[in-house]
Amino acid sequence: MSKQKLCLNKQYLLLLTKYTAMSKQKLLLNKQYLLLLAQYTAMRKQYLLLLIKLL
């Protein structure tokens, strides 16, 4: 019985570790996405300014 409990604890810890790693990855992806969005916004602003100058 206690051997089974130890196995389950081990599996639980492994899952928790995987979940933590996935959460970190998700945060990094969110950060990258926000950076890309900021770059895109800046480029769009430059493009609009250029258009205004050309008019």
N, C-alpha and C. Protein backbone atom coordinates (compact mmCIF):
# COMPACT_ATOMS: atom_id res chain seq x y z
N MET A 1 0.83 -1.21 0.00
CA MET A 1 0.00 0.00 0.00
C MET A 1 0.87 1.27 0.00
N SER A 2 1.88 1.31 0.87
CA SER A 2 2.71 2.51 0.94
C SER A 2 3.59 2.65 -0.29
N LYS A 3 3.95 1.49 -0.92
CA LYS A 3 4.73 1.53 -2.15
C LYS A 3 3.92 2.19 -3.27
N GLN A 4 2.63 1.85 -3.29
CA GLN A 4 1.72 2.42 -4.29
C GLN A 4 1.58 3.93 -4.05
N LYS A 5 1.50 4.31 -2.78
CA LYS A 5 1.37 5.72 -2.42
C LYS A 5 2.61 6.50 -2.86
N LEU A 6 3.79 5.89 -2.67
CA LEU A 6 5.04 6.53 -3.08
C LEU A 6 5.08 6.72 -4.60
N CYS A 7 4.60 5.72 -5.33
CA CYS A 7 4.54 5.80 -6.79
C CYS A 7 3.63 6.94 -7.23
N LEU A 8 2.49 7.05 -6.58
CA LEU A 8 1.54 8.11 -6.91
C LEU A 8 2.13 9.48 -6.60
N ASN A 9 2.83 9.59 -5.46
CA ASN A 9 3.47 10.86 -5.10
C ASN A 9 4.51 11.25 -6.14
N LYS A 10 5.28 10.25 -6.59
CA LYS A 10 6.31 10.49 -7.59
C LYS A 10 5.67 10.99 -8.89
N GLN A 11 4.59 10.33 -9.31
CA GLN A 11 3.88 10.73 -10.53
C GLN A 11 3.32 12.14 -10.40
N TYR A 12 2.77 12.44 -9.22
CA TYR A 12 2.20 13.76 -8.96
C TYR A 12 3.28 14.83 -9.06
N LEU A 13 4.45 14.56 -8.47
CA LEU A 13 5.55 15.52 -8.52
C LEU A 13 6.03 15.74 -9.95
N LEU A 14 6.10 14.66 -10.72
CA LEU A 14 6.50 14.78 -12.12
C LEU A 14 5.52 15.65 -12.90
N LEU A 15 4.24 15.42 -12.67
CA LEU A 15 3.20 16.21 -13.35
C LEU A 15 3.30 17.68 -12.95
N LEU A 16 3.54 17.92 -11.67
CA LEU A 16 3.65 19.28 -11.16
C LEU A 16 4.84 19.98 -11.81
N THR A 17 5.95 19.26 -11.94
CA THR A 17 7.14 19.81 -12.58
C THR A 17 6.86 20.16 -14.03
N LYS A 18 6.19 19.24 -14.74
CA LYS A 18 5.84 19.49 -16.14
C LYS A 18 4.93 20.71 -16.26
N TYR A 19 3.96 20.79 -15.37
CA TYR A 19 3.01 21.91 -15.38
C TYR A 19 3.73 23.23 -15.15
N THR A 20 4.66 23.24 -14.20
CA THR A 20 5.43 24.44 -13.90
C THR A 20 6.25 24.87 -15.11
N ALA A 21 6.89 23.88 -15.75
CA ALA A 21 7.69 24.18 -16.94
C ALA A 21 6.81 24.76 -18.04
N MET A 22 5.62 24.18 -18.22
CA MET A 22 4.70 24.67 -19.24
C MET A 22 4.22 26.08 -18.93
N SER A 23 3.98 26.36 -17.66
CA SER A 23 3.55 27.70 -17.26
C SER A 23 4.63 28.73 -17.57
N LYS A 24 5.89 28.36 -17.27
CA LYS A 24 7.01 29.26 -17.57
C LYS A 24 7.09 29.53 -19.06
N GLN A 25 6.92 28.46 -19.85
CA GLN A 25 6.97 28.57 -21.31
C GLN A 25 5.85 29.50 -21.81
N LYS A 26 4.67 29.33 -21.21
CA LYS A 26 3.52 30.15 -21.59
C LYS A 26 3.79 31.62 -21.30
N LEU A 27 4.41 31.89 -20.15
CA LEU A 27 4.74 33.27 -19.79
C LEU A 27 5.74 33.87 -20.77
N LEU A 28 6.74 33.06 -21.16
CA LEU A 28 7.73 33.53 -22.13
C LEU A 28 7.07 33.84 -23.46
N LEU A 29 6.16 32.96 -23.89
CA LEU A 29 5.46 33.18 -25.15
C LEU A 29 4.61 34.44 -25.09
N ASN A 30 3.94 34.66 -23.97
CA ASN A 30 3.13 35.87 -23.80
C ASN A 30 4.00 37.11 -23.90
N LYS A 31 5.19 37.04 -23.27
CA LYS A 31 6.12 38.15 -23.29
C LYS A 31 6.56 38.44 -24.73
N GLN A 32 6.92 37.37 -25.47
CA GLN A 32 7.33 37.52 -26.86
C GLN A 32 6.22 38.11 -27.70
N TYR A 33 4.99 37.64 -27.45
CA TYR A 33 3.83 38.13 -28.20
C TYR A 33 3.64 39.63 -27.95
N LEU A 34 3.77 40.04 -26.70
CA LEU A 34 3.60 41.46 -26.38
C LEU A 34 4.69 42.31 -27.02
N LEU A 35 5.91 41.78 -27.04
CA LEU A 35 7.00 42.51 -27.69
C LEU A 35 6.75 42.66 -29.19
N LEU A 36 6.29 41.59 -29.82
CA LEU A 36 5.97 41.64 -31.25
C LEU A 36 4.85 42.63 -31.52
N LEU A 37 3.86 42.62 -30.66
CA LEU A 37 2.73 43.54 -30.81
C LEU A 37 3.20 44.99 -30.71
N ALA A 38 4.09 45.25 -29.77
CA ALA A 38 4.64 46.59 -29.60
C ALA A 38 5.42 47.02 -30.85
N GLN A 39 6.23 46.09 -31.38
CA GLN A 39 6.99 46.39 -32.60
C GLN A 39 6.05 46.68 -33.76
N TYR A 40 5.02 45.87 -33.89
CA TYR A 40 4.05 46.04 -34.97
C TYR A 40 3.37 47.40 -34.87
N THR A 41 2.98 47.76 -33.65
CA THR A 41 2.31 49.04 -33.43
C THR A 41 3.24 50.20 -33.80
N ALA A 42 4.50 50.09 -33.41
CA ALA A 42 5.48 51.13 -33.72
C ALA A 42 5.66 51.25 -35.24
N MET A 43 5.74 50.11 -35.91
CA MET A 43 5.91 50.12 -37.36
C MET A 43 4.69 50.72 -38.04
N ARG A 44 3.51 50.41 -37.53
CA ARG A 44 2.29 50.95 -38.11
C ARG A 44 2.25 52.47 -37.96
N LYS A 45 2.70 52.94 -36.79
CA LYS A 45 2.73 54.36 -36.53
C LYS A 45 3.68 55.06 -37.52
N GLN A 46 4.87 54.45 -37.73
CA GLN A 46 5.82 55.01 -38.67
C GLN A 46 5.24 55.05 -40.08
N TYR A 47 4.55 53.98 -40.44
CA TYR A 47 3.94 53.88 -41.76
C TYR A 47 2.90 54.99 -41.96
N LEU A 48 2.07 55.19 -40.93
CA LEU A 48 1.05 56.24 -41.02
C LEU A 48 1.68 57.62 -41.11
N LEU A 49 2.74 57.85 -40.35
CA LEU A 49 3.44 59.13 -40.41
C LEU A 49 4.02 59.37 -41.80
N LEU A 50 4.56 58.32 -42.39
CA LEU A 50 5.12 58.40 -43.73
C LEU A 50 4.03 58.74 -44.74
N LEU A 51 2.87 58.09 -44.58
CA LEU A 51 1.75 58.36 -45.48
C LEU A 51 1.31 59.81 -45.39
N ILE A 52 1.26 60.33 -44.16
CA ILE A 52 0.85 61.72 -43.96
C ILE A 52 1.83 62.67 -44.63
N LYS A 53 3.14 62.36 -44.50
CA LYS A 53 4.16 63.20 -45.13
C LYS A 53 4.03 63.20 -46.65
N LEU A 54 3.65 62.06 -47.19
CA LEU A 54 3.52 61.94 -48.65
C LEU A 54 2.31 62.68 -49.20
N LEU A 55 1.32 62.90 -48.36
CA LEU A 55 0.10 63.57 -48.82
C LEU A 55 0.25 65.05 -49.04
